[in-house]
PDB file of N, CA and C in Angstrom:
ATOM      1  N   MET A   1       5.255   9.311 -29.540  1.00  0.00           N
ATOM      2  CA  MET A   1       6.425   9.790 -28.834  1.00  0.00           C
ATOM      3  C   MET A   1       6.874   8.689 -27.885  1.00  0.00           C
ATOM      4  N   GLN A   2       8.169   8.637 -27.661  1.00  0.00           N
ATOM      5  CA  GLN A   2       8.710   7.633 -26.750  1.00  0.00           C
ATOM      6  C   GLN A   2       9.057   8.286 -25.425  1.00  0.00           C
ATOM      7  N   LEU A   3       8.677   7.639 -24.340  1.00  0.00           N
ATOM      8  CA  LEU A   3       8.964   8.115 -22.994  1.00  0.00           C
ATOM      9  C   LEU A   3       9.809   7.049 -22.314  1.00  0.00           C
ATOM     10  N   THR A   4      11.032   7.394 -21.924  1.00  0.00           N
ATOM     11  CA  THR A   4      11.924   6.445 -21.268  1.00  0.00           C
ATOM     12  C   THR A   4      11.850   6.659 -19.771  1.00  0.00           C
ATOM     13  N   LEU A   5      11.529   5.602 -19.053  1.00  0.00           N
ATOM     14  CA  LEU A   5      11.363   5.657 -17.603  1.00  0.00           C
ATOM     15  C   LEU A   5      12.632   5.175 -16.919  1.00  0.00           C
ATOM     16  N   LEU A   6      12.955   5.789 -15.810  1.00  0.00           N
ATOM     17  CA  LEU A   6      14.114   5.413 -15.025  1.00  0.00           C
ATOM     18  C   LEU A   6      13.632   4.547 -13.868  1.00  0.00           C
ATOM     19  N   PRO A   7      13.892   3.239 -13.893  1.00  0.00           N
ATOM     20  CA  PRO A   7      13.356   2.350 -12.854  1.00  0.00           C
ATOM     21  C   PRO A   7      14.098   2.497 -11.539  1.00  0.00           C
ATOM     22  N   ASP A   8      13.365   2.285 -10.449  1.00  0.00           N
ATOM     23  CA  ASP A   8      13.943   2.312  -9.105  1.00  0.00           C
ATOM     24  C   ASP A   8      13.728   0.968  -8.422  1.00  0.00           C
ATOM     25  N   GLY A   9      13.344  -0.036  -9.165  1.00  0.00           N
ATOM     26  CA  GLY A   9      13.124  -1.366  -8.604  1.00  0.00           C
ATOM     27  C   GLY A   9      12.125  -2.131  -9.438  1.00  0.00           C
ATOM     28  N   SER A  10      12.011  -3.410  -9.137  1.00  0.00           N
ATOM     29  CA  SER A  10      11.148  -4.269  -9.943  1.00  0.00           C
ATOM     30  C   SER A  10       9.671  -3.924  -9.813  1.00  0.00           C
ATOM     31  N   SER A  11       9.280  -3.285  -8.734  1.00  0.00           N
ATOM     32  CA  SER A  11       7.865  -2.974  -8.534  1.00  0.00           C
ATOM     33  C   SER A  11       7.395  -1.778  -9.361  1.00  0.00           C
ATOM     34  N   ASP A  12       8.304  -1.115 -10.032  1.00  0.00           N
ATOM     35  CA  ASP A  12       7.920   0.052 -10.830  1.00  0.00           C
ATOM     36  C   ASP A  12       6.967  -0.298 -11.963  1.00  0.00           C
ATOM     37  N   ARG A  13       6.923  -1.566 -12.360  1.00  0.00           N
ATOM     38  CA  ARG A  13       5.971  -1.982 -13.395  1.00  0.00           C
ATOM     39  C   ARG A  13       4.545  -1.660 -12.977  1.00  0.00           C
ATOM     40  N   ALA A  14       4.292  -1.630 -11.676  1.00  0.00           N
ATOM     41  CA  ALA A  14       2.952  -1.316 -11.181  1.00  0.00           C
ATOM     42  C   ALA A  14       2.555   0.125 -11.493  1.00  0.00           C
ATOM     43  N   LEU A  15       3.520   0.976 -11.773  1.00  0.00           N
ATOM     44  CA  LEU A  15       3.229   2.376 -12.091  1.00  0.00           C
ATOM     45  C   LEU A  15       2.775   2.574 -13.529  1.00  0.00           C
ATOM     46  N   LEU A  16       3.039   1.611 -14.402  1.00  0.00           N
ATOM     47  CA  LEU A  16       2.703   1.776 -15.813  1.00  0.00           C
ATOM     48  C   LEU A  16       1.233   2.083 -16.059  1.00  0.00           C
ATOM     49  N   PRO A  17       0.282   1.369 -15.434  1.00  0.00           N
ATOM     50  CA  PRO A  17      -1.121   1.728 -15.676  1.00  0.00           C
ATOM     51  C   PRO A  17      -1.443   3.166 -15.267  1.00  0.00           C
ATOM     52  N   LEU A  18      -0.881   3.603 -14.164  1.00  0.00           N
ATOM     53  CA  LEU A  18      -1.096   4.971 -13.691  1.00  0.00           C
ATOM     54  C   LEU A  18      -0.510   5.978 -14.683  1.00  0.00           C
ATOM     55  N   LEU A  19       0.712   5.749 -15.141  1.00  0.00           N
ATOM     56  CA  LEU A  19       1.329   6.670 -16.096  1.00  0.00           C
ATOM     57  C   LEU A  19       0.597   6.675 -17.426  1.00  0.00           C
ATOM     58  N   ARG A  20       0.175   5.514 -17.880  1.00  0.00           N
ATOM     59  CA  ARG A  20      -0.588   5.462 -19.134  1.00  0.00           C
ATOM     60  C   ARG A  20      -1.882   6.256 -19.009  1.00  0.00           C
ATOM     61  N   TRP A  21      -2.554   6.105 -17.868  1.00  0.00           N
ATOM     62  CA  TRP A  21      -3.800   6.839 -17.633  1.00  0.00           C
ATOM     63  C   TRP A  21      -3.536   8.347 -17.633  1.00  0.00           C
ATOM     64  N   LEU A  22      -2.495   8.779 -16.907  1.00  0.00           N
ATOM     65  CA  LEU A  22      -2.176  10.203 -16.857  1.00  0.00           C
ATOM     66  C   LEU A  22      -1.859  10.748 -18.247  1.00  0.00           C
ATOM     67  N   LEU A  23      -1.114   9.989 -19.027  1.00  0.00           N
ATOM     68  CA  LEU A  23      -0.775  10.445 -20.376  1.00  0.00           C
ATOM     69  C   LEU A  23      -2.015  10.530 -21.265  1.00  0.00           C
ATOM     70  N   ARG A  24      -2.937   9.587 -21.128  1.00  0.00           N
ATOM     71  CA  ARG A  24      -4.192   9.671 -21.902  1.00  0.00           C
ATOM     72  C   ARG A  24      -4.999  10.897 -21.485  1.00  0.00           C
ATOM     73  N   GLU A  25      -5.004  11.185 -20.190  1.00  0.00           N
ATOM     74  CA  GLU A  25      -5.756  12.327 -19.661  1.00  0.00           C
ATOM     75  C   GLU A  25      -5.131  13.663 -20.054  1.00  0.00           C
ATOM     76  N   ARG A  26      -3.820  13.719 -20.100  1.00  0.00           N
ATOM     77  CA  ARG A  26      -3.117  14.998 -20.195  1.00  0.00           C
ATOM     78  C   ARG A  26      -2.458  15.291 -21.531  1.00  0.00           C
ATOM     79  N   SER A  27      -2.320  14.295 -22.412  1.00  0.00           N
ATOM     80  CA  SER A  27      -1.560  14.498 -23.639  1.00  0.00           C
ATOM     81  C   SER A  27      -2.428  14.350 -24.878  1.00  0.00           C
ATOM     82  N   THR A  28      -2.069  15.103 -25.898  1.00  0.00           N
ATOM     83  CA  THR A  28      -2.740  14.975 -27.192  1.00  0.00           C
ATOM     84  C   THR A  28      -1.994  14.006 -28.098  1.00  0.00           C
ATOM     85  N   ALA A  29      -0.829  13.524 -27.663  1.00  0.00           N
ATOM     86  CA  ALA A  29      -0.005  12.623 -28.482  1.00  0.00           C
ATOM     87  C   ALA A  29       0.050  11.237 -27.844  1.00  0.00           C
ATOM     88  N   PRO A  30       0.143  10.188 -28.659  1.00  0.00           N
ATOM     89  CA  PRO A  30       0.335   8.837 -28.101  1.00  0.00           C
ATOM     90  C   PRO A  30       1.784   8.674 -27.642  1.00  0.00           C
ATOM     91  N   PHE A  31       1.975   7.942 -26.565  1.00  0.00           N
ATOM     92  CA  PHE A  31       3.310   7.699 -26.020  1.00  0.00           C
ATOM     93  C   PHE A  31       3.593   6.211 -25.956  1.00  0.00           C
ATOM     94  N   GLU A  32       4.844   5.870 -26.226  1.00  0.00           N
ATOM     95  CA  GLU A  32       5.335   4.507 -26.027  1.00  0.00           C
ATOM     96  C   GLU A  32       6.242   4.552 -24.805  1.00  0.00           C
ATOM     97  N   LEU A  33       5.903   3.763 -23.776  1.00  0.00           N
ATOM     98  CA  LEU A  33       6.687   3.760 -22.541  1.00  0.00           C
ATOM     99  C   LEU A  33       7.741   2.662 -22.603  1.00  0.00           C
ATOM    100  N   THR A  34       8.999   3.024 -22.338  1.00  0.00           N
ATOM    101  CA  THR A  34      10.091   2.054 -22.281  1.00  0.00           C
ATOM    102  C   THR A  34      10.908   2.309 -21.019  1.00  0.00           C
ATOM    103  N   TRP A  35      11.710   1.324 -20.630  1.00  0.00           N
ATOM    104  CA  TRP A  35      12.556   1.429 -19.438  1.00  0.00           C
ATOM    105  C   TRP A  35      13.998   1.701 -19.839  1.00  0.00           C
ATOM    106  N   ALA A  36      14.675   2.572 -19.118  1.00  0.00           N
ATOM    107  CA  ALA A  36      16.111   2.786 -19.315  1.00  0.00           C
ATOM    108  C   ALA A  36      16.833   1.549 -18.794  1.00  0.00           C
ATOM    109  N   ASP A  37      17.830   1.106 -19.506  1.00  0.00           N
ATOM    110  CA  ASP A  37      18.588  -0.076 -19.095  1.00  0.00           C
ATOM    111  C   ASP A  37      19.819   0.362 -18.317  1.00  0.00           C
ATOM    112  N   LEU A  38      19.675   0.467 -16.988  1.00  0.00           N
ATOM    113  CA  LEU A  38      20.768   0.933 -16.138  1.00  0.00           C
ATOM    114  C   LEU A  38      21.834  -0.131 -15.925  1.00  0.00           C
ATOM    115  N   ARG A  39      21.544  -1.366 -16.304  1.00  0.00           N
ATOM    116  CA  ARG A  39      22.534  -2.443 -16.129  1.00  0.00           C
ATOM    117  C   ARG A  39      23.760  -2.205 -16.997  1.00  0.00           C
ATOM    118  N   ARG A  40      23.625  -1.415 -18.037  1.00  0.00           N
ATOM    119  CA  ARG A  40      24.750  -1.138 -18.936  1.00  0.00           C
ATOM    120  C   ARG A  40      25.742  -0.155 -18.334  1.00  0.00           C
ATOM    121  N   LEU A  41      25.332   0.586 -17.318  1.00  0.00           N
ATOM    122  CA  LEU A  41      26.218   1.555 -16.689  1.00  0.00           C
ATOM    123  C   LEU A  41      27.232   0.851 -15.791  1.00  0.00           C
ATOM    124  N   ARG A  42      28.442   1.386 -15.741  1.00  0.00           N
ATOM    125  CA  ARG A  42      29.448   0.797 -14.843  1.00  0.00           C
ATOM    126  C   ARG A  42      29.032   0.969 -13.388  1.00  0.00           C
ATOM    127  N   GLN A  43      28.514   2.141 -13.057  1.00  0.00           N
ATOM    128  CA  GLN A  43      28.047   2.408 -11.698  1.00  0.00           C
ATOM    129  C   GLN A  43      26.676   3.058 -11.766  1.00  0.00           C
ATOM    130  N   PRO A  44      25.610   2.280 -11.493  1.00  0.00           N
ATOM    131  CA  PRO A  44      24.263   2.875 -11.515  1.00  0.00           C
ATOM    132  C   PRO A  44      24.165   4.031 -10.517  1.00  0.00           C
ATOM    133  N   PRO A  45      23.326   5.007 -10.791  1.00  0.00           N
ATOM    134  CA  PRO A  45      23.197   6.165  -9.893  1.00  0.00           C
ATOM    135  C   PRO A  45      22.789   5.759  -8.483  1.00  0.00           C
ATOM    136  N   SER A  46      23.487   6.294  -7.484  1.00  0.00           N
ATOM    137  CA  SER A  46      23.187   5.930  -6.101  1.00  0.00           C
ATOM    138  C   SER A  46      22.075   6.783  -5.512  1.00  0.00           C
ATOM    139  N   LYS A  47      21.799   7.951  -6.100  1.00  0.00           N
ATOM    140  CA  LYS A  47      20.764   8.827  -5.550  1.00  0.00           C
ATOM    141  C   LYS A  47      19.394   8.169  -5.585  1.00  0.00           C
ATOM    142  N   LEU A  48      19.185   7.226  -6.492  1.00  0.00           N
ATOM    143  CA  LEU A  48      17.900   6.528  -6.531  1.00  0.00           C
ATOM    144  C   LEU A  48      17.654   5.787  -5.224  1.00  0.00           C
ATOM    145  N   ALA A  49      18.713   5.196  -4.684  1.00  0.00           N
ATOM    146  CA  ALA A  49      18.580   4.440  -3.444  1.00  0.00           C
ATOM    147  C   ALA A  49      18.400   5.356  -2.243  1.00  0.00           C
ATOM    148  N   ASP A  50      18.805   6.606  -2.385  1.00  0.00           N
ATOM    149  CA  ASP A  50      18.726   7.553  -1.268  1.00  0.00           C
ATOM    150  C   ASP A  50      17.343   8.174  -1.096  1.00  0.00           C
ATOM    151  N   ARG A  51      16.469   7.964  -2.052  1.00  0.00           N
ATOM    152  CA  ARG A  51      15.140   8.580  -1.975  1.00  0.00           C
ATOM    153  C   ARG A  51      14.283   7.935  -0.893  1.00  0.00           C
ATOM    154  N   VAL A  52      13.252   8.656  -0.499  1.00  0.00           N
ATOM    155  CA  VAL A  52      12.323   8.133   0.492  1.00  0.00           C
ATOM    156  C   VAL A  52      11.710   6.846  -0.025  1.00  0.00           C
ATOM    157  N   LYS A  53      11.586   5.863   0.808  1.00  0.00           N
ATOM    158  CA  LYS A  53      11.097   4.555   0.395  1.00  0.00           C
ATOM    159  C   LYS A  53       9.575   4.482   0.493  1.00  0.00           C
ATOM    160  N   ALA A  54       8.923   5.175  -0.427  1.00  0.00           N
ATOM    161  CA  ALA A  54       7.462   5.154  -0.469  1.00  0.00           C
ATOM    162  C   ALA A  54       6.953   3.746  -0.732  1.00  0.00           C
ATOM    163  N   LYS A  55       7.755   2.961  -1.445  1.00  0.00           N
ATOM    164  CA  LYS A  55       7.364   1.587  -1.740  1.00  0.00           C
ATOM    165  C   LYS A  55       7.200   0.778  -0.453  1.00  0.00           C
ATOM    166  N   ASP A  56       8.084   1.006   0.525  1.00  0.00           N
ATOM    167  CA  ASP A  56       7.979   0.293   1.797  1.00  0.00           C
ATOM    168  C   ASP A  56       6.668   0.622   2.498  1.00  0.00           C
ATOM    169  N   LEU A  57       6.282   1.896   2.467  1.00  0.00           N
ATOM    170  CA  LEU A  57       5.015   2.304   3.068  1.00  0.00           C
ATOM    171  C   LEU A  57       3.838   1.659   2.338  1.00  0.00           C
ATOM    172  N   LEU A  58       3.893   1.647   1.011  1.00  0.00           N
ATOM    173  CA  LEU A  58       2.837   1.027   0.224  1.00  0.00           C
ATOM    174  C   LEU A  58       2.711  -0.463   0.559  1.00  0.00           C
ATOM    175  N   PHE A  59       3.835  -1.163   0.604  1.00  0.00           N
ATOM    176  CA  PHE A  59       3.807  -2.596   0.893  1.00  0.00           C
ATOM    177  C   PHE A  59       3.260  -2.861   2.294  1.00  0.00           C
ATOM    178  N   SER A  60       3.656  -2.038   3.239  1.00  0.00           N
ATOM    179  CA  SER A  60       3.149  -2.185   4.606  1.00  0.00           C
ATOM    180  C   SER A  60       1.637  -1.983   4.640  1.00  0.00           C
ATOM    181  N   THR A  61       1.157  -0.992   3.903  1.00  0.00           N
ATOM    182  CA  THR A  61      -0.276  -0.714   3.834  1.00  0.00           C
ATOM    183  C   THR A  61      -1.026  -1.867   3.177  1.00  0.00           C
ATOM    184  N   LEU A  62      -0.454  -2.431   2.116  1.00  0.00           N
ATOM    185  CA  LEU A  62      -1.085  -3.577   1.455  1.00  0.00           C
ATOM    186  C   LEU A  62      -1.145  -4.794   2.384  1.00  0.00           C
ATOM    187  N   ARG A  63      -0.084  -4.994   3.153  1.00  0.00           N
ATOM    188  CA  ARG A  63      -0.097  -6.110   4.117  1.00  0.00           C
ATOM    189  C   ARG A  63      -1.203  -5.915   5.158  1.00  0.00           C
ATOM    190  N   THR A  64      -1.327  -4.699   5.660  1.00  0.00           N
ATOM    191  CA  THR A  64      -2.370  -4.405   6.646  1.00  0.00           C
ATOM    192  C   THR A  64      -3.751  -4.581   6.031  1.00  0.00           C
ATOM    193  N   ALA A  65      -3.936  -4.068   4.815  1.00  0.00           N
ATOM    194  CA  ALA A  65      -5.240  -4.144   4.143  1.00  0.00           C
ATOM    195  C   ALA A  65      -5.620  -5.567   3.780  1.00  0.00           C
ATOM    196  N   SER A  66      -4.640  -6.460   3.673  1.00  0.00           N
ATOM    197  CA  SER A  66      -4.941  -7.846   3.302  1.00  0.00           C
ATOM    198  C   SER A  66      -5.696  -8.604   4.404  1.00  0.00           C
ATOM    199  N   ASN A  67      -5.634  -8.092   5.644  1.00  0.00           N
ATOM    200  CA  ASN A  67      -6.259  -8.749   6.802  1.00  0.00           C
ATOM    201  C   ASN A  67      -5.762 -10.179   7.009  1.00  0.00           C
ATOM    202  N   LEU A  68      -4.559 -10.458   6.532  1.00  0.00           N
ATOM    203  CA  LEU A  68      -3.969 -11.777   6.721  1.00  0.00           C
ATOM    204  C   LEU A  68      -3.159 -11.791   8.011  1.00  0.00           C
ATOM    205  N   SER A  69      -2.935 -12.981   8.531  1.00  0.00           N
ATOM    206  CA  SER A  69      -2.104 -13.121   9.723  1.00  0.00           C
ATOM    207  C   SER A  69      -1.309 -14.412   9.631  1.00  0.00           C
ATOM    208  N   GLY A  70      -0.334 -14.540  10.498  1.00  0.00           N
ATOM    209  CA  GLY A  70       0.449 -15.762  10.579  1.00  0.00           C
ATOM    210  C   GLY A  70       1.166 -16.109   9.285  1.00  0.00           C
ATOM    211  N   ARG A  71       1.067 -17.375   8.919  1.00  0.00           N
ATOM    212  CA  ARG A  71       1.773 -17.888   7.740  1.00  0.00           C
ATOM    213  C   ARG A  71       1.293 -17.227   6.449  1.00  0.00           C
ATOM    214  N   ARG A  72      -0.010 -16.986   6.370  1.00  0.00           N
ATOM    215  CA  ARG A  72      -0.532 -16.344   5.153  1.00  0.00           C
ATOM    216  C   ARG A  72       0.037 -14.946   4.970  1.00  0.00           C
ATOM    217  N   LEU A  73       0.188 -14.206   6.066  1.00  0.00           N
ATOM    218  CA  LEU A  73       0.773 -12.869   5.974  1.00  0.00           C
ATOM    219  C   LEU A  73       2.240 -12.952   5.567  1.00  0.00           C
ATOM    220  N   LYS A  74       2.960 -13.945   6.098  1.00  0.00           N
ATOM    221  CA  LYS A  74       4.368 -14.109   5.730  1.00  0.00           C
ATOM    222  C   LYS A  74       4.517 -14.447   4.252  1.00  0.00           C
ATOM    223  N   LYS A  75       3.547 -15.168   3.700  1.00  0.00           N
ATOM    224  CA  LYS A  75       3.603 -15.560   2.289  1.00  0.00           C
ATOM    225  C   LYS A  75       3.097 -14.451   1.357  1.00  0.00           C
ATOM    226  N   PHE A  76       2.388 -13.480   1.923  1.00  0.00           N
ATOM    227  CA  PHE A  76       1.835 -12.397   1.108  1.00  0.00           C
ATOM    228  C   PHE A  76       2.967 -11.584   0.511  1.00  0.00           C
ATOM    229  N   ASP A  77       2.982 -11.465  -0.794  1.00  0.00           N
ATOM    230  CA  ASP A  77       4.030 -10.729  -1.502  1.00  0.00           C
ATOM    231  C   ASP A  77       3.397  -9.563  -2.249  1.00  0.00           C
ATOM    232  N   PRO A  78       3.402  -8.368  -1.648  1.00  0.00           N
ATOM    233  CA  PRO A  78       2.756  -7.225  -2.303  1.00  0.00           C
ATOM    234  C   PRO A  78       3.426  -6.828  -3.614  1.00  0.00           C
ATOM    235  N   ASP A  79       4.670  -7.251  -3.824  1.00  0.00           N
ATOM    236  CA  ASP A  79       5.340  -6.929  -5.085  1.00  0.00           C
ATOM    237  C   ASP A  79       4.670  -7.635  -6.251  1.00  0.00           C
ATOM    238  N   ARG A  80       4.040  -8.740  -5.995  1.00  0.00           N
ATOM    239  CA  ARG A  80       3.319  -9.473  -7.034  1.00  0.00           C
ATOM    240  C   ARG A  80       1.879  -8.998  -7.159  1.00  0.00           C
ATOM    241  N   PHE A  81       1.432  -8.233  -6.213  1.00  0.00           N
ATOM    242  CA  PHE A  81       0.051  -7.770  -6.174  1.00  0.00           C
ATOM    243  C   PHE A  81      -0.070  -6.553  -7.068  1.00  0.00           C
ATOM    244  N   ARG A  82      -0.652  -6.707  -8.231  1.00  0.00           N
ATOM    245  CA  ARG A  82      -0.699  -5.640  -9.231  1.00  0.00           C
ATOM    246  C   ARG A  82      -2.076  -4.995  -9.302  1.00  0.00           C
ATOM    247  N   LEU A  83      -2.465  -4.399  -8.216  1.00  0.00           N
ATOM    248  CA  LEU A  83      -3.764  -3.748  -8.133  1.00  0.00           C
ATOM    249  C   LEU A  83      -3.922  -2.665  -9.201  1.00  0.00           C
ATOM    250  N   ALA A  84      -2.863  -1.945  -9.472  1.00  0.00           N
ATOM    251  CA  ALA A  84      -2.944  -0.832 -10.416  1.00  0.00           C
ATOM    252  C   ALA A  84      -3.401  -1.267 -11.800  1.00  0.00           C
ATOM    253  N   SER A  85      -3.087  -2.495 -12.182  1.00  0.00           N
ATOM    254  CA  SER A  85      -3.484  -2.953 -13.518  1.00  0.00           C
ATOM    255  C   SER A  85      -4.996  -3.176 -13.619  1.00  0.00           C
ATOM    256  N   LEU A  86      -5.689  -3.221 -12.489  1.00  0.00           N
ATOM    257  CA  LEU A  86      -7.135  -3.424 -12.482  1.00  0.00           C
ATOM    258  C   LEU A  86      -7.918  -2.107 -12.441  1.00  0.00           C
ATOM    259  N   ILE A  87      -7.221  -1.012 -12.202  1.00  0.00           N
ATOM    260  CA  ILE A  87      -7.874   0.287 -12.052  1.00  0.00           C
ATOM    261  C   ILE A  87      -7.960   0.987 -13.403  1.00  0.00           C
ATOM    262  N   GLU A  88      -9.139   1.484 -13.727  1.00  0.00           N
ATOM    263  CA  GLU A  88      -9.337   2.186 -14.995  1.00  0.00           C
ATOM    264  C   GLU A  88      -9.335   3.705 -14.842  1.00  0.00           C
ATOM    265  N   ASP A  89      -9.639   4.201 -13.652  1.00  0.00           N
ATOM    266  CA  ASP A  89      -9.740   5.641 -13.426  1.00  0.00           C
ATOM    267  C   ASP A  89      -9.006   6.001 -12.133  1.00  0.00           C
ATOM    268  N   PHE A  90      -7.916   6.712 -12.272  1.00  0.00           N
ATOM    269  CA  PHE A  90      -7.109   7.090 -11.112  1.00  0.00           C
ATOM    270  C   PHE A  90      -7.469   8.481 -10.578  1.00  0.00           C
ATOM    271  N   SER A  91      -8.518   9.090 -11.105  1.00  0.00           N
ATOM    272  CA  SER A  91      -8.863  10.451 -10.688  1.00  0.00           C
ATOM    273  C   SER A  91      -9.117  10.600  -9.185  1.00  0.00           C
ATOM    274  N   PRO A  92      -9.606   9.578  -8.459  1.00  0.00           N
ATOM    275  CA  PRO A  92      -9.757   9.764  -7.013  1.00  0.00           C
ATOM    276  C   PRO A  92      -8.434  10.047  -6.289  1.00  0.00           C
ATOM    277  N   LEU A  93      -7.315   9.716  -6.924  1.00  0.00           N
ATOM    278  CA  LEU A  93      -6.017   9.978  -6.304  1.00  0.00           C
ATOM    279  C   LEU A  93      -5.672  11.458  -6.290  1.00  0.00           C
ATOM    280  N   ARG A  94      -6.445  12.266  -7.002  1.00  0.00           N
ATOM    281  CA  ARG A  94      -6.168  13.705  -7.047  1.00  0.00           C
ATOM    282  C   ARG A  94      -6.328  14.385  -5.687  1.00  0.00           C
ATOM    283  N   VAL A  95      -6.903  13.723  -4.717  1.00  0.00           N
ATOM    284  CA  VAL A  95      -6.990  14.301  -3.373  1.00  0.00           C
ATOM    285  C   VAL A  95      -5.644  14.235  -2.654  1.00  0.00           C
ATOM    286  N   LEU A  96      -4.703  13.430  -3.166  1.00  0.00           N
ATOM    287  CA  LEU A  96      -3.394  13.276  -2.543  1.00  0.00           C
ATOM    288  C   LEU A  96      -2.408  14.313  -3.087  1.00  0.00           C
ATOM    289  N   PRO A  97      -1.748  15.046  -2.200  1.00  0.00           N
ATOM    290  CA  PRO A  97      -0.789  16.055  -2.653  1.00  0.00           C
ATOM    291  C   PRO A  97       0.306  15.477  -3.559  1.00  0.00           C
ATOM    292  N   SER A  98       0.791  14.286  -3.260  1.00  0.00           N
ATOM    293  CA  SER A  98       1.862  13.710  -4.073  1.00  0.00           C
ATOM    294  C   SER A  98       1.369  13.385  -5.480  1.00  0.00           C
ATOM    295  N   PHE A  99       0.112  12.960  -5.612  1.00  0.00           N
ATOM    296  CA  PHE A  99      -0.433  12.674  -6.937  1.00  0.00           C
ATOM    297  C   PHE A  99      -0.622  13.973  -7.717  1.00  0.00           C
ATOM    298  N   ARG A 100      -1.112  14.999  -7.037  1.00  0.00           N
ATOM    299  CA  ARG A 100      -1.262  16.302  -7.701  1.00  0.00           C
ATOM    300  C   ARG A 100       0.089  16.839  -8.157  1.00  0.00           C
ATOM    301  N   ALA A 101       1.126  16.617  -7.356  1.00  0.00           N
ATOM    302  CA  ALA A 101       2.472  17.055  -7.737  1.00  0.00           C
ATOM    303  C   ALA A 101       2.960  16.282  -8.963  1.00  0.00           C
ATOM    304  N   LEU A 102       2.710  14.976  -8.998  1.00  0.00           N
ATOM    305  CA  LEU A 102       3.074  14.169 -10.163  1.00  0.00           C
ATOM    306  C   LEU A 102       2.342  14.659 -11.399  1.00  0.00           C
ATOM    307  N   GLU A 103       1.056  14.906 -11.255  1.00  0.00           N
ATOM    308  CA  GLU A 103       0.249  15.367 -12.389  1.00  0.00           C
ATOM    309  C   GLU A 103       0.723  16.741 -12.874  1.00  0.00           C
ATOM    310  N   ALA A 104       1.047  17.632 -11.952  1.00  0.00           N
ATOM    311  CA  ALA A 104       1.524  18.967 -12.325  1.00  0.00           C
ATOM    312  C   ALA A 104       2.881  18.883 -13.027  1.00  0.00           C
ATOM    313  N   SER A 105       3.742  18.008 -12.529  1.00  0.00           N
ATOM    314  CA  SER A 105       5.054  17.826 -13.146  1.00  0.00           C
ATOM    315  C   SER A 105       4.919  17.272 -14.560  1.00  0.00           C
ATOM    316  N   LEU A 106       4.041  16.294 -14.715  1.00  0.00           N
ATOM    317  CA  LEU A 106       3.798  15.724 -16.040  1.00  0.00           C
ATOM    318  C   LEU A 106       3.196  16.768 -16.970  1.00  0.00           C
ATOM    319  N   GLN A 107       2.246  17.552 -16.486  1.00  0.00           N
ATOM    320  CA  GLN A 107       1.619  18.603 -17.292  1.00  0.00           C
ATOM    321  C   GLN A 107       2.661  19.614 -17.756  1.00  0.00           C
ATOM    322  N   SER A 108       3.571  19.983 -16.880  1.00  0.00           N
ATOM    323  CA  SER A 108       4.628  20.921 -17.233  1.00  0.00           C
ATOM    324  C   SER A 108       5.516  20.351 -18.341  1.00  0.00           C
ATOM    325  N   ALA A 109       5.877  19.080 -18.223  1.00  0.00           N
ATOM    326  CA  ALA A 109       6.709  18.435 -19.248  1.00  0.00           C
ATOM    327  C   ALA A 109       5.960  18.359 -20.577  1.00  0.00           C
ATOM    328  N   LEU A 110       4.671  18.044 -20.519  1.00  0.00           N
ATOM    329  CA  LEU A 110       3.875  17.956 -21.747  1.00  0.00           C
ATOM    330  C   LEU A 110       3.708  19.319 -22.405  1.00  0.00           C
ATOM    331  N   LEU A 111       3.584  20.372 -21.590  1.00  0.00           N
ATOM    332  CA  LEU A 111       3.521  21.735 -22.131  1.00  0.00           C
ATOM    333  C   LEU A 111       4.820  22.083 -22.855  1.00  0.00           C
ATOM    334  N   THR A 112       5.940  21.705 -22.251  1.00  0.00           N
ATOM    335  CA  THR A 112       7.238  21.945 -22.871  1.00  0.00           C
ATOM    336  C   THR A 112       7.342  21.236 -24.217  1.00  0.00           C
ATOM    337  N   LEU A 113       6.799  20.036 -24.296  1.00  0.00           N
ATOM    338  CA  LEU A 113       6.824  19.267 -25.554  1.00  0.00           C
ATOM    339  C   LEU A 113       5.768  19.732 -26.552  1.00  0.00           C
ATOM    340  N   GLY A 114       4.834  20.555 -26.074  1.00  0.00           N
ATOM    341  CA  GLY A 114       3.778  21.046 -26.944  1.00  0.00           C
ATOM    342  C   GLY A 114       2.680  20.039 -27.211  1.00  0.00           C
ATOM    343  N   VAL A 115       2.495  19.079 -26.303  1.00  0.00           N
ATOM    344  CA  VAL A 115       1.463  18.055 -26.491  1.00  0.00           C
ATOM    345  C   VAL A 115       0.490  17.978 -25.314  1.00  0.00           C
ATOM    346  N   ALA A 116       0.433  19.039 -24.514  1.00  0.00           N
ATOM    347  CA  ALA A 116      -0.447  19.046 -23.350  1.00  0.00           C
ATOM    348  C   ALA A 116      -1.892  19.272 -23.766  1.00  0.00           C
ATOM    349  N   ARG A 117      -2.776  18.513 -23.141  1.00  0.00           N
ATOM    350  CA  ARG A 117      -4.209  18.682 -23.345  1.00  0.00           C
ATOM    351  C   ARG A 117      -4.724  19.594 -22.248  1.00  0.00           C
ATOM    352  N   ASN A 118      -5.634  20.482 -22.591  1.00  0.00           N
ATOM    353  CA  ASN A 118      -6.256  21.335 -21.579  1.00  0.00           C
ATOM    354  C   ASN A 118      -7.056  20.455 -20.637  1.00  0.00           C
ATOM    355  N   ARG A 119      -6.971  20.772 -19.361  1.00  0.00           N
ATOM    356  CA  ARG A 119      -7.693  20.001 -18.343  1.00  0.00           C
ATOM    357  C   ARG A 119      -9.176  20.237 -18.493  1.00  0.00           C
ATOM    358  N   PRO A 120      -9.970  19.132 -18.523  1.00  0.00           N
ATOM    359  CA  PRO A 120     -11.424  19.305 -18.667  1.00  0.00           C
ATOM    360  C   PRO A 120     -12.062  19.951 -17.468  1.00  0.00           C
TER     361      PRO A 120
END
């Protein structure tokens, strides 16, 4: 099955490992993930820009966690830091309400498609 993702910025590539993991955990069908090409639209949707900037919070947290200061901190680019690609098991994130909401939303969509796996 093909799943088309709606990007909200260049850092969304970091979400692919997480989404792939969730789909393996929750779906009985294989999925191919692709990006919607919003550049073809005359006016891209503005509501995407109006959403809460969770990415800013994440980047700020990564900067703090880096323990860098001065010039090294200024050069630190969390957008290039692809920690998610190194993680094999995202289950510890289930303690976060936002992750549980994402998982529940995905489970609901998979149930609608008839490809949901029962939770172990």
